[in-house]
C-alpha cells in the first residue's frame, strides 16, 4: 500500500444487527495488542467520515510502528487523508457501519465505542466467550517459575479451580446482577470446565449455570429411579411388589466372554494362515506330505465354519436346486430329505461349535460408528439426567469408584453431594449399565459396551474402602455379599433400560449429533437443555 494515502475504508450501511456488533467485539477481545491503550488518541475529523491513521492501519496488520503516531502527526508528515465521501466509502450523517461518526469521534478507542453501544448481556457474553476460548486454546498464563512452584503444591481440584477462576467469578457477577447468559457463552463455559476433568469444578460450573436460570434438565430424573430395597421382602415405593418379586421378573444382565472369543478367533486365523503358507512353499521345500495335511486341516476348519453358521442357507439352496432340476435328478436323490439341525452330530449347524470363533472375528473386524455413538449418547444422557458431575461418554469402573470416594471427601473446596449411599451407588450403576442396555436392545452381540465394568466398580469399592476410610459405609451397602452384588447389577440394568426406552427420542437426537463428529460437550448439553 502507498505510505502517503493509506486509510481504512468503511462500507455504507444504515443498520446492523446486534449479533454483528457482538461478533466484532469478540474478535477485538481475542486479538492481543491490536489497539493498545498508548495508541488511542483523539482524532478530529469531519462529521461524514472517520479516517484512521497510517499507524493504526499498520498496528491492525501487526506492524511495529510507534504508538504515538496520530492522525495529526500524519498530517504534519504529509500523510494525506481522503475526504471524498464516495472515495472513502463511509455512510451519511446517520453513521458508519457499526457506530455513528459523531460517537466515534468522541471516543479514543473503537473497542470502547463498540462496548458502549452494547447492552450488559452482550458485553458479558463477549467477555465470557473470550475467556473460555483462551482456556480451550490453552492460552492460560502459567505465571512464571514462582507460580509453577506454587502450583506444584496444590491439589488437582485447586488447580482446576484456579484455571476456571475468571469465568467462575464472571458468572457469579452475572448472577448477582441478574444478567442471563446466552447459550453460546454457556456452551463455551461448559467446554472450558470439561477440560479440567475435575468433578468439583464441573459441579461448581453447573451450579452457577443453574442459578443463572439456564439449566433445567440436569439431574431432573433423580427422583424417577428406584433404589434397591434393603431386604428381599421389602416393598418397592409406589408399588405392591417386593424386591424379590420384582427381581424374579427382570431380565438377566447380558454377559459375554470377549477374551475367550478373541483368543479363539486369533488361534483359528493363525492355524489357517500357517496352513496356507505351507501350501504355498511346501513343494519348494520338499514338504509335500506336510502341505497335504495342512491343506486338509485348513479346508476342514473352513468347511465346519461355513456349515455350522450357514446350515439353513445350505439346506434351502440345496432344496431349490433339486426342485429346479427334478426332471434330471434320479428319484432316489429327490426322495432324500436333508437332516435337521437337531439331528446333526455335535449340534453342527446350530452355531454352538464355532459360535465363539465367529463372535471373536466379529469383534476384531467390526467398525460401527453409529453403534459407538449410541452407547456414548446413552452414557452421557444418564449421567447428565441423574445429576452426576461428569461428562463421560465411556464410563469405566475406575472413574466411577474415584467419583464416589471423592464425593464423600471435604477438602475445603466446593462440596459435592455424597454418592456413598444406596441412591448414589444406584445412580453410578445405572450410568455404567446404560451403554449395555441400549446396545443389547439394538444388537444381538455386545461389542462397544462392556458389562464387566459395573461388576468391576463394585469390586473396586470393596477393595479400596479402607484406603478412603469408607469400610463401614461399603459394608452396609453390600452387606449380603455376592448375592447383594448380583441383585444390584440386575436392578440397575433394568432401571437403565427403562430410562433409555422412555426417553429414546432425546437419546436418538444426541446420537445423531455425535455421529456428525463435530460436537463438543457444550453442544451435547445444548441438545438436552434445548438451548436455541
Protein backbone atom coordinates (compact mmCIF):
# COMPACT_ATOMS: atom_id res chain seq x y z
CA UNK A 1 0.00 0.00 0.00
CA UNK A 2 1.13 3.64 -0.55
CA UNK A 3 2.66 5.17 2.56
CA UNK A 4 1.13 8.57 1.76
CA UNK A 5 -2.51 7.71 1.09
CA UNK A 6 -3.38 4.61 3.16
CA UNK A 7 -6.67 4.66 5.05
CA UNK A 8 -9.15 2.04 6.19
CA UNK A 9 -12.41 2.45 4.30
CA UNK A 10 -15.79 1.60 5.75
CA UNK A 11 -18.70 0.35 3.62
CA UNK A 12 -22.01 2.14 3.53
CA UNK A 13 -24.69 0.83 5.84
CA UNK A 14 -27.59 2.31 7.79
CA UNK A 15 -28.44 -0.60 10.10
CA UNK A 16 -26.64 -3.60 11.57
CA UNK A 17 -27.86 -6.35 13.86
CA UNK A 18 -26.85 -6.75 17.43
CA UNK A 19 -25.21 -10.08 16.59
CA UNK A 20 -22.74 -8.37 14.24
CA UNK A 21 -21.71 -5.94 16.98
CA UNK A 22 -21.07 -8.82 19.37
CA UNK A 23 -19.01 -10.70 16.79
CA UNK A 24 -16.81 -7.67 16.13
CA UNK A 25 -16.20 -7.15 19.83
CA UNK A 26 -15.34 -10.84 20.31
CA UNK A 27 -12.73 -10.60 17.57
CA UNK A 28 -11.23 -7.47 19.11
CA UNK A 29 -11.11 -9.10 22.54
CA UNK A 30 -9.32 -12.18 21.29
CA UNK A 31 -6.68 -10.27 19.30
CA UNK A 32 -3.85 -9.09 21.55
CA UNK A 33 -2.22 -5.77 21.00
CA UNK A 34 -4.48 -4.52 18.20
CA UNK A 35 -5.29 -1.19 19.80
CA UNK A 36 -3.07 -0.76 22.91
CA UNK A 37 -4.03 1.96 25.31
CA UNK A 38 -0.96 4.01 24.36
CA UNK A 39 -2.11 4.13 20.74
CA UNK A 40 -5.52 5.68 21.45
CA UNK A 41 -5.58 9.37 20.53
CA UNK A 42 -8.36 11.80 19.98
CA UNK A 43 -8.95 12.19 16.26
CA UNK A 44 -10.67 15.28 14.99
CA UNK A 45 -12.47 14.52 11.73
CA UNK A 46 -15.29 15.96 9.69
CA UNK A 47 -18.69 14.59 10.57
CA UNK A 48 -19.11 12.50 7.46
CA UNK A 49 -16.08 10.30 7.76
CA UNK A 50 -13.69 8.86 10.32
CA UNK A 51 -10.27 8.21 8.81
CA UNK A 52 -7.82 6.06 10.72
CA UNK A 53 -4.15 6.94 10.69
CA UNK A 54 -1.43 5.06 8.87
CA UNK A 55 -0.05 3.99 12.23
CA UNK A 56 -3.35 2.40 13.24
CA UNK A 57 -3.56 0.70 9.89
CA UNK A 58 -0.21 -0.97 10.41
CA UNK A 59 -0.97 -1.79 14.01
CA UNK A 60 -4.01 -3.69 12.73
CA UNK A 61 -1.75 -5.57 10.32
CA UNK A 62 0.77 -6.32 13.06
CA UNK A 63 3.50 -3.84 12.00
CA UNK A 64 5.52 -2.50 14.89
CA UNK A 65 5.35 1.29 14.45
CA UNK A 66 5.43 3.95 17.12
CA UNK A 67 2.15 4.01 19.06
CA UNK A 68 2.35 7.76 19.43
CA UNK A 69 1.73 8.47 15.77
CA UNK A 70 -1.70 10.02 15.40
CA UNK A 71 -3.78 11.44 12.59
CA UNK A 72 -2.48 14.90 13.50
CA UNK A 73 1.12 13.73 13.21
CA UNK A 74 0.22 12.00 9.97
CA UNK A 75 -0.99 15.28 8.51
CA UNK A 76 2.18 17.06 9.60
CA UNK A 77 4.37 14.45 7.90
CA UNK A 78 2.47 14.66 4.68
CA UNK A 79 0.09 11.69 5.06
CA UNK A 80 -3.00 12.94 3.26
CA UNK A 81 -6.35 11.71 4.45
CA UNK A 82 -9.12 11.06 1.98
CA UNK A 83 -12.09 13.40 2.35
CA UNK A 84 -14.36 12.48 -0.51
CA UNK A 85 -17.48 10.66 0.70
CA UNK A 86 -17.61 8.32 -2.26
CA UNK A 87 -13.88 7.64 -2.19
CA UNK A 88 -13.72 6.66 1.44
CA UNK A 89 -16.98 4.63 1.28
CA UNK A 90 -18.38 5.84 4.56
CA UNK A 91 -22.04 6.29 5.46
CA UNK A 92 -24.01 9.51 5.65
CA UNK A 93 -24.91 11.57 8.69
CA UNK A 94 -26.73 8.63 10.24
CA UNK A 95 -23.50 6.83 10.95
CA UNK A 96 -20.92 4.30 9.77
CA UNK A 97 -21.14 0.57 9.53
CA UNK A 98 -21.34 0.00 13.29
CA UNK A 99 -21.33 3.32 15.09
CA UNK A 100 -22.25 6.90 14.30
CA UNK A 101 -19.40 9.14 13.19
CA UNK A 102 -20.04 11.62 15.98
CA UNK A 103 -19.96 8.79 18.50
CA UNK A 104 -16.65 7.54 17.12
CA UNK A 105 -15.09 10.98 17.14
CA UNK A 106 -15.97 11.35 20.81
CA UNK A 107 -14.16 8.17 21.79
CA UNK A 108 -10.47 7.30 21.88
CA UNK A 109 -10.97 3.58 21.24
CA UNK A 110 -13.02 1.64 18.71
CA UNK A 111 -13.38 -1.14 21.28
CA UNK A 112 -14.68 1.29 23.88
CA UNK A 113 -17.10 2.75 21.37
CA UNK A 114 -18.42 -0.66 20.40
CA UNK A 115 -18.83 -1.70 24.03
CA UNK A 116 -20.71 1.48 24.87
CA UNK A 117 -23.17 0.66 22.08
CA UNK A 118 -23.93 -2.78 23.58
CA UNK A 119 -26.18 -3.75 26.45
CA UNK A 120 -24.96 -5.66 29.52
CA UNK A 121 -25.96 -9.06 28.17
CA UNK A 122 -23.84 -8.67 25.05
CA UNK A 123 -20.91 -7.24 26.99
CA UNK A 124 -20.85 -10.14 29.45
CA UNK A 125 -21.31 -12.67 26.65
CA UNK A 126 -18.40 -11.21 24.71
CA UNK A 127 -16.05 -11.31 27.71
CA UNK A 128 -17.17 -14.76 28.91
CA UNK A 129 -16.82 -16.25 25.43
CA UNK A 130 -13.38 -14.73 25.02
CA UNK A 131 -12.11 -16.03 28.38
CA UNK A 132 -13.44 -19.55 27.71
CA UNK A 133 -11.89 -19.54 24.25
CA UNK A 134 -8.49 -18.79 25.75
CA UNK A 135 -8.89 -21.69 28.20
CA UNK A 136 -9.88 -24.04 25.37
CA UNK A 137 -6.92 -22.87 23.29
CA UNK A 138 -4.53 -23.41 26.21
CA UNK A 139 -3.64 -19.73 26.46
CA UNK A 140 -3.91 -19.53 30.25
CA UNK A 141 -0.71 -17.99 31.60
CA UNK A 142 1.45 -20.18 33.81
CA UNK A 143 2.62 -17.15 35.79
CA UNK A 144 6.34 -17.84 35.62
CA UNK A 145 8.63 -20.11 37.69
CA UNK A 146 7.30 -18.86 41.02
CA UNK A 147 3.70 -19.67 40.10
CA UNK A 148 4.72 -23.08 38.75
CA UNK A 149 6.34 -23.85 42.10
CA UNK A 150 3.16 -22.84 43.91
CA UNK A 151 1.02 -24.94 41.57
CA UNK A 152 3.11 -28.00 42.39
CA UNK A 153 1.82 -27.85 45.99
CA UNK A 154 -1.87 -27.62 45.02
CA UNK A 155 -4.39 -30.44 44.70
CA UNK A 156 -5.93 -31.25 41.28
CA UNK A 157 -9.16 -29.57 42.38
CA UNK A 158 -7.35 -26.40 43.42
CA UNK A 159 -5.52 -26.30 40.09
CA UNK A 160 -8.79 -26.78 38.22
CA UNK A 161 -10.48 -24.03 40.24
CA UNK A 162 -7.58 -21.67 39.54
CA UNK A 163 -7.85 -22.42 35.84
CA UNK A 164 -11.57 -21.63 35.85
CA UNK A 165 -11.29 -18.74 38.30
CA UNK A 166 -12.05 -15.94 35.82
CA UNK A 167 -15.14 -17.45 34.16
CA UNK A 168 -16.50 -18.60 37.54
CA UNK A 169 -16.13 -15.10 39.04
CA UNK A 170 -17.72 -13.59 35.95
CA UNK A 171 -20.69 -15.96 36.19
CA UNK A 172 -21.08 -15.11 39.88
CA UNK A 173 -21.14 -11.41 38.99
CA UNK A 174 -23.70 -12.05 36.25
CA UNK A 175 -25.89 -13.96 38.69
CA UNK A 176 -25.65 -11.18 41.28
CA UNK A 177 -26.67 -8.62 38.64
CA UNK A 178 -29.35 -10.94 37.23
CA UNK A 179 -27.78 -10.94 33.76
CA UNK A 180 -28.81 -14.03 31.82
CA UNK A 181 -26.05 -15.66 29.77
CA UNK A 182 -26.60 -16.68 26.16
CA UNK A 183 -26.50 -20.30 25.05
CA UNK A 184 -23.31 -19.66 23.06
CA UNK A 185 -21.34 -18.41 26.05
CA UNK A 186 -22.75 -21.20 28.27
CA UNK A 187 -21.62 -23.85 25.80
CA UNK A 188 -18.15 -22.33 25.84
CA UNK A 189 -18.17 -22.29 29.64
CA UNK A 190 -19.13 -25.98 29.80
CA UNK A 191 -16.45 -26.88 27.28
CA UNK A 192 -13.86 -24.98 29.31
CA UNK A 193 -14.94 -26.68 32.55
CA UNK A 194 -14.75 -30.12 30.93
CA UNK A 195 -11.06 -29.59 30.14
CA UNK A 196 -10.28 -29.65 33.87
CA UNK A 197 -11.56 -33.25 34.29
CA UNK A 198 -12.37 -32.35 37.88
CA UNK A 199 -15.76 -33.26 39.33
CA UNK A 200 -15.89 -30.39 41.82
CA UNK A 201 -15.06 -27.78 39.21
CA UNK A 202 -17.66 -29.21 36.86
CA UNK A 203 -20.25 -29.27 39.65
CA UNK A 204 -19.44 -25.66 40.60
CA UNK A 205 -19.81 -24.56 36.98
CA UNK A 206 -23.13 -26.37 36.53
CA UNK A 207 -24.40 -24.90 39.79
CA UNK A 208 -23.66 -21.35 38.59
CA UNK A 209 -25.38 -22.02 35.27
CA UNK A 210 -28.37 -23.38 37.16
CA UNK A 211 -28.54 -20.22 39.29
CA UNK A 212 -28.42 -18.22 36.07
CA UNK A 213 -31.70 -19.89 35.12
CA UNK A 214 -30.36 -21.78 32.12
CA UNK A 215 -30.15 -25.32 33.48
CA UNK A 216 -33.44 -27.20 33.67
CA UNK A 217 -32.74 -30.81 32.69
CA UNK A 218 -29.60 -31.53 34.72
CA UNK A 219 -30.46 -34.03 37.48
CA UNK A 220 -34.15 -33.98 36.57
CA UNK A 221 -34.53 -37.80 36.57
CA UNK A 222 -33.08 -38.44 40.01
CA UNK A 223 -36.49 -38.84 41.57
CA UNK A 224 -37.63 -41.33 38.93
CA UNK A 225 -35.21 -44.12 39.82
CA UNK A 226 -35.90 -46.80 42.40
CA UNK A 227 -33.09 -47.75 44.76
CA UNK A 228 -32.74 -51.41 45.69
CA UNK A 229 -34.85 -52.10 48.82
CA UNK A 230 -32.78 -53.26 51.81
CA UNK A 231 -34.26 -56.78 52.15
CA UNK A 232 -35.90 -59.27 49.74
CA UNK A 233 -39.26 -58.79 51.47
CA UNK A 234 -39.14 -55.00 51.46
CA UNK A 235 -41.83 -53.26 49.45
CA UNK A 236 -40.90 -51.14 46.46
CA UNK A 237 -42.03 -47.49 46.87
CA UNK A 238 -45.27 -46.76 44.98
CA UNK A 239 -45.68 -50.45 44.19
CA UNK A 240 -47.21 -53.57 45.73
CA UNK A 241 -44.30 -55.74 44.70
CA UNK A 242 -41.45 -56.71 46.94
CA UNK A 243 -37.78 -56.64 45.99
CA UNK A 244 -37.70 -60.42 45.46
CA UNK A 245 -40.85 -60.38 43.32
CA UNK A 246 -39.56 -57.70 41.00
CA UNK A 247 -36.12 -59.29 40.66
CA UNK A 248 -37.80 -62.52 39.56
CA UNK A 249 -39.43 -60.68 36.63
CA UNK A 250 -36.34 -58.74 35.48
CA UNK A 251 -34.11 -59.92 32.61
CA UNK A 252 -30.60 -61.10 33.29
CA UNK A 253 -27.69 -58.78 32.64
CA UNK A 254 -26.17 -59.61 29.22
CA UNK A 255 -22.74 -61.14 29.57
CA UNK A 256 -20.04 -62.15 27.13
CA UNK A 257 -16.65 -63.84 27.15
CA UNK A 258 -14.82 -61.43 24.91
CA UNK A 259 -11.40 -62.62 25.99
CA UNK A 260 -12.22 -66.21 25.07
CA UNK A 261 -13.88 -65.12 21.83
CA UNK A 262 -10.93 -63.05 20.64
CA UNK A 263 -8.45 -65.77 21.60
CA UNK A 264 -10.40 -68.41 19.66
CA UNK A 265 -10.62 -66.16 16.60
CA UNK A 266 -6.89 -65.37 16.65
CA UNK A 267 -5.96 -69.05 17.10
CA UNK A 268 -8.17 -70.09 14.18
CA UNK A 269 -6.81 -67.37 11.93
CA UNK A 270 -3.25 -68.36 12.82
CA UNK A 271 -3.81 -72.05 12.04
CA UNK A 272 -5.49 -71.33 8.70
CA UNK A 273 -2.83 -68.76 7.79
CA UNK A 274 0.06 -71.14 8.56
CA UNK A 275 -1.69 -73.86 6.55
CA UNK A 276 -1.91 -71.59 3.52
CA UNK A 277 1.76 -70.69 3.88
CA UNK A 278 2.78 -74.35 3.89
CA UNK A 279 0.61 -74.96 0.84
CA UNK A 280 2.41 -72.19 -1.00
CA UNK A 281 6.01 -73.05 -0.09
CA UNK A 282 5.76 -76.70 0.92
CA UNK A 283 6.51 -78.14 -2.51
CA UNK A 284 9.58 -75.97 -2.93
CA UNK A 285 10.95 -77.04 0.46
CA UNK A 286 10.31 -80.76 -0.06
CA UNK A 287 7.38 -80.81 2.39
CA UNK A 288 4.83 -82.26 0.03
CA UNK A 289 3.27 -84.59 2.59
CA UNK A 290 3.06 -81.89 5.25
CA UNK A 291 1.50 -79.50 2.75
CA UNK A 292 -1.18 -82.08 2.01
CA UNK A 293 -2.14 -82.39 5.69
CA UNK A 294 -2.15 -78.64 6.28
CA UNK A 295 -4.38 -78.21 3.21
CA UNK A 296 -6.74 -80.81 4.61
CA UNK A 297 -6.74 -79.08 8.01
CA UNK A 298 -7.49 -75.61 6.67
CA UNK A 299 -10.22 -76.94 4.37
CA UNK A 300 -11.81 -78.80 7.25
CA UNK A 301 -11.79 -75.72 9.50
CA UNK A 302 -13.34 -73.52 6.83
CA UNK A 303 -15.88 -76.19 5.96
CA UNK A 304 -17.01 -76.59 9.58
CA UNK A 305 -17.24 -72.82 10.00
CA UNK A 306 -19.37 -72.50 6.90
CA UNK A 307 -21.62 -75.47 7.68
CA UNK A 308 -22.10 -74.54 11.34
CA UNK A 309 -23.13 -70.96 10.61
CA UNK A 310 -24.90 -71.29 7.24
CA UNK A 311 -26.65 -74.64 7.62
CA UNK A 312 -30.13 -73.24 6.92
CA UNK A 313 -28.88 -71.41 3.83
CA UNK A 314 -27.16 -74.52 2.50
CA UNK A 315 -30.27 -76.64 3.13
CA UNK A 316 -32.61 -74.14 1.45
CA UNK A 317 -30.30 -73.69 -1.52
CA UNK A 318 -29.98 -77.46 -1.97
CA UNK A 319 -33.74 -77.95 -1.91
CA UNK A 320 -34.13 -75.19 -4.50
CA UNK A 321 -31.57 -76.81 -6.83
CA UNK A 322 -33.33 -80.18 -6.55
CA UNK A 323 -36.71 -78.66 -7.43
CA UNK A 324 -35.32 -76.75 -10.39
CA UNK A 325 -33.70 -79.90 -11.81
CA UNK A 326 -36.23 -82.51 -10.70
CA UNK A 327 -36.52 -84.00 -14.21
CA UNK A 328 -32.79 -84.63 -14.47
CA UNK A 329 -32.22 -85.93 -10.94
CA UNK A 330 -32.91 -89.60 -10.12
CA UNK A 331 -35.83 -90.36 -7.82
CA UNK A 332 -33.50 -91.84 -5.25
CA UNK A 333 -31.81 -88.48 -4.89
CA UNK A 334 -35.02 -86.45 -4.94
CA UNK A 335 -36.52 -88.54 -2.15
CA UNK A 336 -33.61 -87.92 0.20
CA UNK A 337 -34.54 -85.48 2.97
CA UNK A 338 -31.87 -83.23 4.39
CA UNK A 339 -31.31 -83.70 8.14
CA UNK A 340 -32.48 -81.12 10.63
CA UNK A 341 -30.04 -79.20 12.80
CA UNK A 342 -31.18 -81.13 15.83
CA UNK A 343 -30.17 -84.42 14.17
CA UNK A 344 -26.68 -83.25 13.18
CA UNK A 345 -23.72 -84.66 15.15
CA UNK A 346 -22.29 -82.38 17.83
CA UNK A 347 -25.20 -79.99 17.11
CA UNK A 348 -23.45 -78.93 13.94
CA UNK A 349 -25.42 -76.19 12.19
CA UNK A 350 -26.61 -74.53 15.39
CA UNK A 351 -23.58 -72.26 15.65
CA UNK A 352 -22.53 -73.67 19.01
CA UNK A 353 -19.30 -75.24 17.79
CA UNK A 354 -17.88 -72.22 16.00
CA UNK A 355 -20.04 -69.50 17.63
CA UNK A 356 -17.17 -68.35 19.83
CA UNK A 357 -14.86 -68.05 16.83
CA UNK A 358 -17.43 -66.11 14.80
CA UNK A 359 -18.10 -63.74 17.68
CA UNK A 360 -14.38 -63.17 18.08
CA UNK A 361 -13.97 -62.45 14.36
CA UNK A 362 -16.90 -60.04 14.52
CA UNK A 363 -15.35 -58.29 17.50
CA UNK A 364 -11.99 -57.98 15.74
CA UNK A 365 -13.25 -56.68 12.40
CA UNK A 366 -16.40 -54.80 13.28
CA UNK A 367 -16.25 -50.99 12.91
CA UNK A 368 -19.61 -49.34 13.60
CA UNK A 369 -19.56 -45.61 14.30
CA UNK A 370 -23.31 -45.44 14.82
CA UNK A 371 -23.18 -48.18 17.47
CA UNK A 372 -20.35 -46.38 19.26
CA UNK A 373 -22.30 -43.12 19.24
CA UNK A 374 -25.44 -44.85 20.55
CA UNK A 375 -23.52 -46.14 23.57
CA UNK A 376 -21.84 -42.79 24.17
CA UNK A 377 -25.13 -40.93 23.93
CA UNK A 378 -26.76 -43.33 26.41
CA UNK A 379 -23.93 -42.87 28.92
CA UNK A 380 -23.90 -39.09 28.59
CA UNK A 381 -27.68 -38.85 28.85
CA UNK A 382 -27.97 -40.95 32.01
CA UNK A 383 -25.08 -39.21 33.78
CA UNK A 384 -26.46 -35.76 33.00
CA UNK A 385 -30.10 -36.56 33.78
CA UNK A 386 -29.14 -38.19 37.10
CA UNK A 387 -27.06 -35.18 38.17
CA UNK A 388 -23.61 -36.78 38.11
CA UNK A 389 -20.81 -34.17 37.96
CA UNK A 390 -19.01 -35.69 34.99
CA UNK A 391 -19.11 -35.57 31.20
CA UNK A 392 -18.01 -39.10 30.36
CA UNK A 393 -19.03 -40.82 27.14
CA UNK A 394 -17.26 -44.08 28.03
CA UNK A 395 -17.82 -44.83 31.73
CA UNK A 396 -15.46 -47.23 33.44
CA UNK A 397 -15.13 -48.83 36.85
CA UNK A 398 -12.09 -46.82 37.98
CA UNK A 399 -13.58 -43.44 37.10
CA UNK A 400 -16.84 -44.33 38.84
CA UNK A 401 -15.13 -45.53 42.03
CA UNK A 402 -12.95 -42.41 42.24
CA UNK A 403 -16.00 -40.19 41.81
CA UNK A 404 -17.85 -41.97 44.64
CA UNK A 405 -14.98 -41.65 47.11
CA UNK A 406 -14.22 -38.04 46.13
CA UNK A 407 -17.84 -37.05 46.62
CA UNK A 408 -17.62 -38.11 50.27
CA UNK A 409 -14.47 -36.09 50.92
CA UNK A 410 -14.42 -32.46 52.04
CA UNK A 411 -11.12 -30.77 51.11
CA UNK A 412 -12.27 -27.19 51.63
CA UNK A 413 -13.32 -26.64 48.02
CA UNK A 414 -16.77 -26.94 46.51
CA UNK A 415 -18.62 -29.72 48.36
CA UNK A 416 -20.24 -32.45 46.27
CA UNK A 417 -23.40 -34.33 47.15
CA UNK A 418 -22.21 -37.65 48.57
CA UNK A 419 -22.66 -40.64 46.29
CA UNK A 420 -21.70 -43.07 49.03
CA UNK A 421 -25.32 -44.10 49.68
CA UNK A 422 -27.92 -46.50 48.34
CA UNK A 423 -29.23 -43.94 45.87
CA UNK A 424 -25.75 -42.74 44.91
CA UNK A 425 -24.47 -46.25 44.18
CA UNK A 426 -27.59 -46.97 42.14
CA UNK A 427 -27.05 -43.83 40.04
CA UNK A 428 -23.46 -44.86 39.33
CA UNK A 429 -24.53 -48.38 38.34
CA UNK A 430 -27.26 -47.04 36.04
CA UNK A 431 -24.66 -44.84 34.35
CA UNK A 432 -22.33 -47.83 33.88
CA UNK A 433 -25.19 -50.02 32.64
CA UNK A 434 -26.62 -47.50 30.16
CA UNK A 435 -24.34 -48.47 27.22
CA UNK A 436 -25.07 -52.16 27.81
CA UNK A 437 -28.81 -51.51 27.97
CA UNK A 438 -29.02 -49.60 24.69
CA UNK A 439 -26.64 -51.88 22.77
CA UNK A 440 -28.36 -55.08 23.88
CA UNK A 441 -31.74 -53.61 22.87
CA UNK A 442 -30.50 -52.86 19.34
CA UNK A 443 -27.88 -55.54 18.61
CA UNK A 444 -27.55 -59.28 19.35
CA UNK A 445 -23.91 -59.03 20.47
CA UNK A 446 -22.19 -56.58 22.81
CA UNK A 447 -19.15 -55.07 21.12
CA UNK A 448 -18.82 -51.41 22.15
CA UNK A 449 -20.11 -51.68 25.73
CA UNK A 450 -18.55 -53.85 28.41
CA UNK A 451 -20.81 -55.47 31.06
CA UNK A 452 -17.79 -56.19 33.26
CA UNK A 453 -17.40 -52.50 34.19
CA UNK A 454 -20.37 -52.40 36.58
CA UNK A 455 -19.21 -55.50 38.42
CA UNK A 456 -15.66 -54.15 38.49
CA UNK A 457 -16.97 -50.92 40.02
CA UNK A 458 -18.49 -52.78 42.99
CA UNK A 459 -15.32 -54.81 43.42
CA UNK A 460 -13.19 -51.67 43.47
CA UNK A 461 -15.42 -50.13 46.11
CA UNK A 462 -14.82 -53.14 48.36
CA UNK A 463 -11.08 -53.24 47.67
CA UNK A 464 -10.40 -49.50 48.16
CA UNK A 465 -12.83 -48.82 51.02
CA UNK A 466 -10.10 -49.00 53.67
CA UNK A 467 -7.90 -46.56 51.76
CA UNK A 468 -10.66 -43.91 51.84
CA UNK A 469 -11.90 -44.76 55.35
CA UNK A 470 -15.26 -45.92 53.99
CA UNK A 471 -15.32 -49.56 55.12
CA UNK A 472 -18.43 -49.21 57.24
CA UNK A 473 -20.40 -47.47 54.52
CA UNK A 474 -19.43 -50.06 51.87
CA UNK A 475 -20.18 -52.96 54.23
CA UNK A 476 -23.66 -51.56 54.85
CA UNK A 477 -24.29 -51.18 51.12
CA UNK A 478 -23.04 -54.67 50.27
CA UNK A 479 -23.97 -56.43 53.47
CA UNK A 480 -25.22 -59.63 51.81
CA UNK A 481 -22.05 -60.25 49.83
CA UNK A 482 -22.15 -61.70 46.34
CA UNK A 483 -25.93 -62.07 46.23
CA UNK A 484 -26.39 -58.39 47.03
CA UNK A 485 -23.97 -57.54 44.23
CA UNK A 486 -25.89 -59.67 41.71
CA UNK A 487 -29.19 -58.09 42.76
CA UNK A 488 -27.71 -54.59 42.38
CA UNK A 489 -26.45 -55.35 38.88
CA UNK A 490 -29.74 -56.83 37.75
CA UNK A 491 -31.76 -53.98 39.26
CA UNK A 492 -29.58 -51.21 37.81
CA UNK A 493 -29.65 -52.78 34.36
CA UNK A 494 -33.46 -52.74 34.41
CA UNK A 495 -33.51 -49.11 35.61
CA UNK A 496 -31.10 -48.02 32.87
CA UNK A 497 -33.13 -49.82 30.22
CA UNK A 498 -36.34 -48.19 31.48
CA UNK A 499 -34.86 -44.66 31.42
CA UNK A 500 -33.47 -45.05 27.90
CA UNK A 501 -36.67 -46.53 26.48
CA UNK A 502 -38.81 -43.77 27.96
CA UNK A 503 -36.51 -41.08 26.56
CA UNK A 504 -35.47 -42.74 23.31
CA UNK A 505 -36.28 -39.64 21.22
CA UNK A 506 -33.81 -37.38 23.03
CA UNK A 507 -31.17 -40.12 23.08
CA UNK A 508 -31.55 -40.54 19.31
CA UNK A 509 -31.15 -36.79 18.80
CA UNK A 510 -27.98 -36.86 20.89
CA UNK A 511 -26.74 -39.86 18.90
CA UNK A 512 -27.21 -38.03 15.61
CA UNK A 513 -25.33 -35.03 16.97
CA UNK A 514 -22.40 -37.29 17.93
CA UNK A 515 -22.41 -39.07 14.58
CA UNK A 516 -21.78 -35.70 12.94
CA UNK A 517 -18.32 -35.76 14.54
CA UNK A 518 -18.06 -32.03 15.24
CA UNK A 519 -19.95 -31.85 18.53
CA UNK A 520 -18.43 -30.64 21.78
CA UNK A 521 -19.70 -31.34 25.27
CA UNK A 522 -21.36 -27.95 25.24
CA UNK A 523 -23.23 -28.93 22.06
CA UNK A 524 -24.47 -32.14 23.72
CA UNK A 525 -25.68 -30.20 26.76
CA UNK A 526 -27.48 -27.75 24.47
CA UNK A 527 -29.40 -30.68 22.95
CA UNK A 528 -30.57 -31.88 26.36
CA UNK A 529 -31.34 -28.39 27.65
CA UNK A 530 -32.97 -27.36 24.34
CA UNK A 531 -30.92 -24.19 24.11
CA UNK A 532 -31.66 -22.26 20.93
